[in-house]
Amino acid sequence: MVVSGKVQGTPDTLTVSASMEATAPDITAALNQTSQRQQAVITALGGAGVDKKDISTSQVSLQPQYNIDGSTISGYRASNSIEVKIRKIDTASNILSLIANTGGEATRINSINYSIEDDSQLVKDARTRAFNDAKDRADQYAQLSGLTLGKVISISETTGATPPPPPTPMPMPRAAMAEAVPLEPGQQTVGFSVTVVWELI
């Protein structure tokens, strides 16, 4: 018997992936520009109450840029990406604005992702629903076949959901995000599938 149980909870954490990107004629200038912008963002985040342990570098890249015919290097594009975990959801809008305003036109917001920091109770609830549903169905099938439900022979389970793909990073237009960005956490579903095999007697 394969059944699923689902429960919903309100996300309490928002993770933002943000990059600072710059193009310059030489490697040093490109790297320095992104480093300076990203450091300014990190400093501003600390000043806004984001814990240092909730800010992590996720990627640093440097790529040559070629002229139109592709034969010679015309400059270098550098990118410095961080992930910021925002635990106070009510501050998330202002934090996004802070990142964009501090980074200016170098800012790329790669993705935002809501999550539930501790979903253990939700998983327990989903597991209970799934198992109870499986037992109810198995009881019904046993009755329909003129048998009685015996002991459980085996139980296996699967959890989790596939998150949506992140949007394509976009440059921030001039003077964008001067005000708080409207964000709504909505509800997240925690799903749980259970396969239970009973003995019929």
Protein backbone atom coordinates (compact mmCIF):
# COMPACT_ATOMS: atom_id res chain seq x y z
CA MET A 1 0.00 0.00 0.00
CA VAL A 2 1.60 3.31 -1.13
CA VAL A 3 0.09 6.51 0.28
CA SER A 4 1.13 10.12 0.81
CA GLY A 5 0.64 12.51 3.70
CA LYS A 6 0.97 16.26 3.35
CA VAL A 7 1.00 19.11 5.86
CA GLN A 8 1.60 22.81 5.38
CA GLY A 9 3.74 25.21 7.35
CA THR A 10 4.75 28.85 7.08
CA PRO A 11 8.39 29.42 6.02
CA ASP A 12 10.49 31.15 8.66
CA THR A 13 13.76 31.60 6.76
CA LEU A 14 14.66 33.27 3.47
CA THR A 15 17.95 32.57 1.68
CA VAL A 16 19.09 35.15 -0.86
CA SER A 17 21.75 34.45 -3.47
CA ALA A 18 23.30 37.73 -4.62
CA SER A 19 26.30 38.56 -6.78
CA MET A 20 28.40 41.60 -7.50
CA GLU A 21 29.59 41.67 -11.09
CA ALA A 22 32.02 43.97 -12.88
CA THR A 23 33.79 44.15 -16.23
CA ALA A 24 37.16 45.88 -16.54
CA PRO A 25 40.08 45.99 -18.98
CA ASP A 26 42.33 43.94 -16.69
CA ILE A 27 42.01 41.13 -14.16
CA THR A 28 43.00 43.16 -11.11
CA ALA A 29 40.49 45.93 -11.73
CA ALA A 30 37.64 43.48 -12.35
CA LEU A 31 38.38 41.50 -9.18
CA ASN A 32 38.92 44.62 -7.08
CA GLN A 33 35.61 46.17 -8.16
CA THR A 34 33.58 43.09 -7.28
CA SER A 35 35.47 42.54 -4.03
CA GLN A 36 34.94 46.13 -2.91
CA ARG A 37 31.22 46.08 -3.73
CA GLN A 38 30.70 42.70 -2.07
CA GLN A 39 32.60 43.77 1.06
CA ALA A 40 30.40 46.88 1.27
CA VAL A 41 27.32 44.65 1.04
CA ILE A 42 28.63 42.27 3.72
CA THR A 43 29.43 45.20 6.03
CA ALA A 44 25.96 46.69 5.46
CA LEU A 45 24.32 43.34 6.19
CA GLY A 46 26.21 43.09 9.48
CA GLY A 47 25.07 46.59 10.36
CA ALA A 48 21.48 45.55 9.63
CA GLY A 49 21.70 42.71 12.15
CA VAL A 50 22.48 39.75 9.89
CA ASP A 51 24.76 37.34 11.76
CA LYS A 52 28.15 36.74 10.12
CA LYS A 53 27.58 32.98 10.21
CA ASP A 54 24.52 33.50 7.98
CA ILE A 55 26.60 35.06 5.18
CA SER A 56 28.70 32.72 3.05
CA THR A 57 30.63 33.07 -0.19
CA SER A 58 29.14 30.70 -2.74
CA GLN A 59 31.18 31.47 -5.85
CA VAL A 60 33.96 33.67 -7.22
CA SER A 61 34.50 33.67 -10.96
CA LEU A 62 36.66 35.45 -13.51
CA GLN A 63 36.09 35.12 -17.25
CA PRO A 64 37.80 36.78 -20.23
CA GLN A 65 35.62 38.88 -22.53
CA TYR A 66 36.43 38.79 -26.25
CA ASN A 67 36.03 41.39 -28.97
CA ILE A 68 33.38 41.01 -31.68
CA ASP A 69 35.39 38.65 -33.89
CA GLY A 70 36.39 36.55 -30.85
CA SER A 71 40.10 36.72 -31.61
CA THR A 72 41.41 38.89 -28.76
CA ILE A 73 40.56 39.51 -25.14
CA SER A 74 38.90 42.89 -24.61
CA GLY A 75 38.55 42.70 -20.83
CA TYR A 76 37.56 40.52 -17.90
CA ARG A 77 34.28 39.90 -16.13
CA ALA A 78 34.49 39.09 -12.42
CA SER A 79 31.69 37.91 -10.18
CA ASN A 80 31.55 37.43 -6.42
CA SER A 81 28.48 35.63 -5.05
CA ILE A 82 27.19 35.25 -1.52
CA GLU A 83 24.27 33.49 0.13
CA VAL A 84 22.51 35.33 2.92
CA LYS A 85 20.23 33.51 5.32
CA ILE A 86 17.59 35.85 6.74
CA ARG A 87 16.05 34.41 9.89
CA LYS A 88 13.80 37.37 10.66
CA ILE A 89 11.32 37.14 7.80
CA ASP A 90 9.84 40.56 8.53
CA THR A 91 13.21 42.15 7.69
CA ALA A 92 13.67 40.30 4.36
CA SER A 93 12.21 43.07 2.17
CA ASN A 94 14.53 45.68 3.64
CA ILE A 95 17.54 43.34 3.43
CA LEU A 96 16.96 42.82 -0.31
CA SER A 97 16.76 46.57 -0.80
CA LEU A 98 19.93 47.02 1.26
CA ILE A 99 21.83 44.55 -0.94
CA ALA A 100 20.65 46.23 -4.15
CA ASN A 101 21.24 49.77 -2.98
CA THR A 102 24.68 49.01 -1.55
CA GLY A 103 25.83 47.03 -4.57
CA GLY A 104 24.31 49.44 -7.08
CA GLU A 105 24.42 48.49 -10.74
CA ALA A 106 26.89 45.69 -10.00
CA THR A 107 24.16 43.80 -8.12
CA ARG A 108 22.65 40.57 -9.42
CA ILE A 109 19.91 38.90 -7.39
CA ASN A 110 20.27 35.28 -8.48
CA SER A 111 17.51 33.69 -6.42
CA ILE A 112 15.50 33.76 -3.23
CA ASN A 113 14.38 30.62 -1.46
CA TYR A 114 11.94 30.30 1.43
CA SER A 115 12.37 27.40 3.82
CA ILE A 116 11.29 26.11 7.20
CA GLU A 117 14.32 25.97 9.49
CA ASP A 118 13.02 23.08 11.58
CA ASP A 119 10.40 21.00 9.79
CA SER A 120 10.79 17.93 12.02
CA GLN A 121 7.32 18.29 13.55
CA LEU A 122 5.77 18.79 10.11
CA VAL A 123 7.49 15.63 8.88
CA LYS A 124 6.15 13.72 11.89
CA ASP A 125 2.64 14.98 11.17
CA ALA A 126 2.92 14.06 7.47
CA ARG A 127 4.26 10.61 8.39
CA THR A 128 1.34 10.04 10.78
CA ARG A 129 -1.19 11.09 8.16
CA ALA A 130 0.38 8.85 5.54
CA PHE A 131 0.51 5.80 7.81
CA ASN A 132 -3.05 6.28 9.08
CA ASP A 133 -4.30 6.62 5.52
CA ALA A 134 -2.44 3.46 4.53
CA LYS A 135 -3.95 1.54 7.45
CA ASP A 136 -7.48 2.74 6.66
CA ARG A 137 -7.14 1.67 3.03
CA ALA A 138 -5.58 -1.66 3.92
CA ASP A 139 -8.44 -2.33 6.39
CA GLN A 140 -10.96 -1.61 3.67
CA TYR A 141 -9.25 -3.91 1.15
CA ALA A 142 -9.03 -6.68 3.76
CA GLN A 143 -12.76 -6.40 4.45
CA LEU A 144 -13.58 -6.38 0.73
CA SER A 145 -11.59 -9.55 0.25
CA GLY A 146 -13.11 -11.26 3.32
CA LEU A 147 -9.83 -11.29 5.21
CA THR A 148 -8.44 -9.62 8.30
CA LEU A 149 -5.52 -7.24 8.49
CA GLY A 150 -2.57 -8.89 10.23
CA LYS A 151 0.82 -7.59 11.31
CA VAL A 152 2.94 -5.14 9.34
CA ILE A 153 5.54 -6.92 7.24
CA SER A 154 7.51 -3.90 5.99
CA ILE A 155 7.51 -0.08 5.91
CA SER A 156 9.51 2.22 3.64
CA GLU A 157 9.27 5.95 3.19
CA THR A 158 10.35 8.91 1.09
CA THR A 159 10.29 12.62 1.90
CA GLY A 160 11.07 15.97 0.38
CA ALA A 161 10.13 18.03 -2.63
CA THR A 162 12.06 19.37 -5.59
CA PRO A 163 12.56 23.14 -5.34
CA PRO A 164 11.80 25.25 -8.41
CA PRO A 165 14.79 26.23 -10.55
CA PRO A 166 16.28 29.63 -9.70
CA PRO A 167 15.54 32.52 -12.07
CA THR A 168 18.19 33.82 -14.44
CA PRO A 169 20.33 36.50 -12.76
CA MET A 170 19.43 39.98 -13.94
CA PRO A 171 21.32 43.26 -13.55
CA MET A 172 19.68 45.81 -11.29
CA PRO A 173 18.49 48.87 -13.21
CA ARG A 174 19.65 52.29 -12.12
CA ALA A 175 18.00 53.48 -8.86
CA ALA A 176 16.13 50.19 -8.50
CA MET A 177 14.87 48.87 -5.15
CA ALA A 178 15.19 52.12 -3.25
CA GLU A 179 12.18 50.99 -1.22
CA ALA A 180 11.36 47.71 0.50
CA VAL A 181 10.64 44.83 -1.86
CA PRO A 182 7.21 43.20 -1.31
CA LEU A 183 7.70 39.58 -0.29
CA GLU A 184 5.19 36.98 0.85
CA PRO A 185 6.34 33.64 2.33
CA GLY A 186 3.01 31.89 1.69
CA GLN A 187 2.82 28.24 2.75
CA GLN A 188 5.13 25.30 2.08
CA THR A 189 3.95 21.74 1.82
CA VAL A 190 5.90 18.96 3.51
CA GLY A 191 5.08 15.70 1.80
CA PHE A 192 5.71 12.18 2.95
CA SER A 193 5.11 8.92 1.08
CA VAL A 194 4.87 5.61 2.90
CA THR A 195 4.83 2.10 1.48
CA VAL A 196 3.40 -0.35 4.00
CA VAL A 197 2.93 -4.08 3.47
CA TRP A 198 0.52 -5.92 5.79
CA GLU A 199 -0.13 -9.60 6.29
CA LEU A 200 -3.67 -10.69 5.38
CA ILE A 201 -5.15 -13.48 7.51
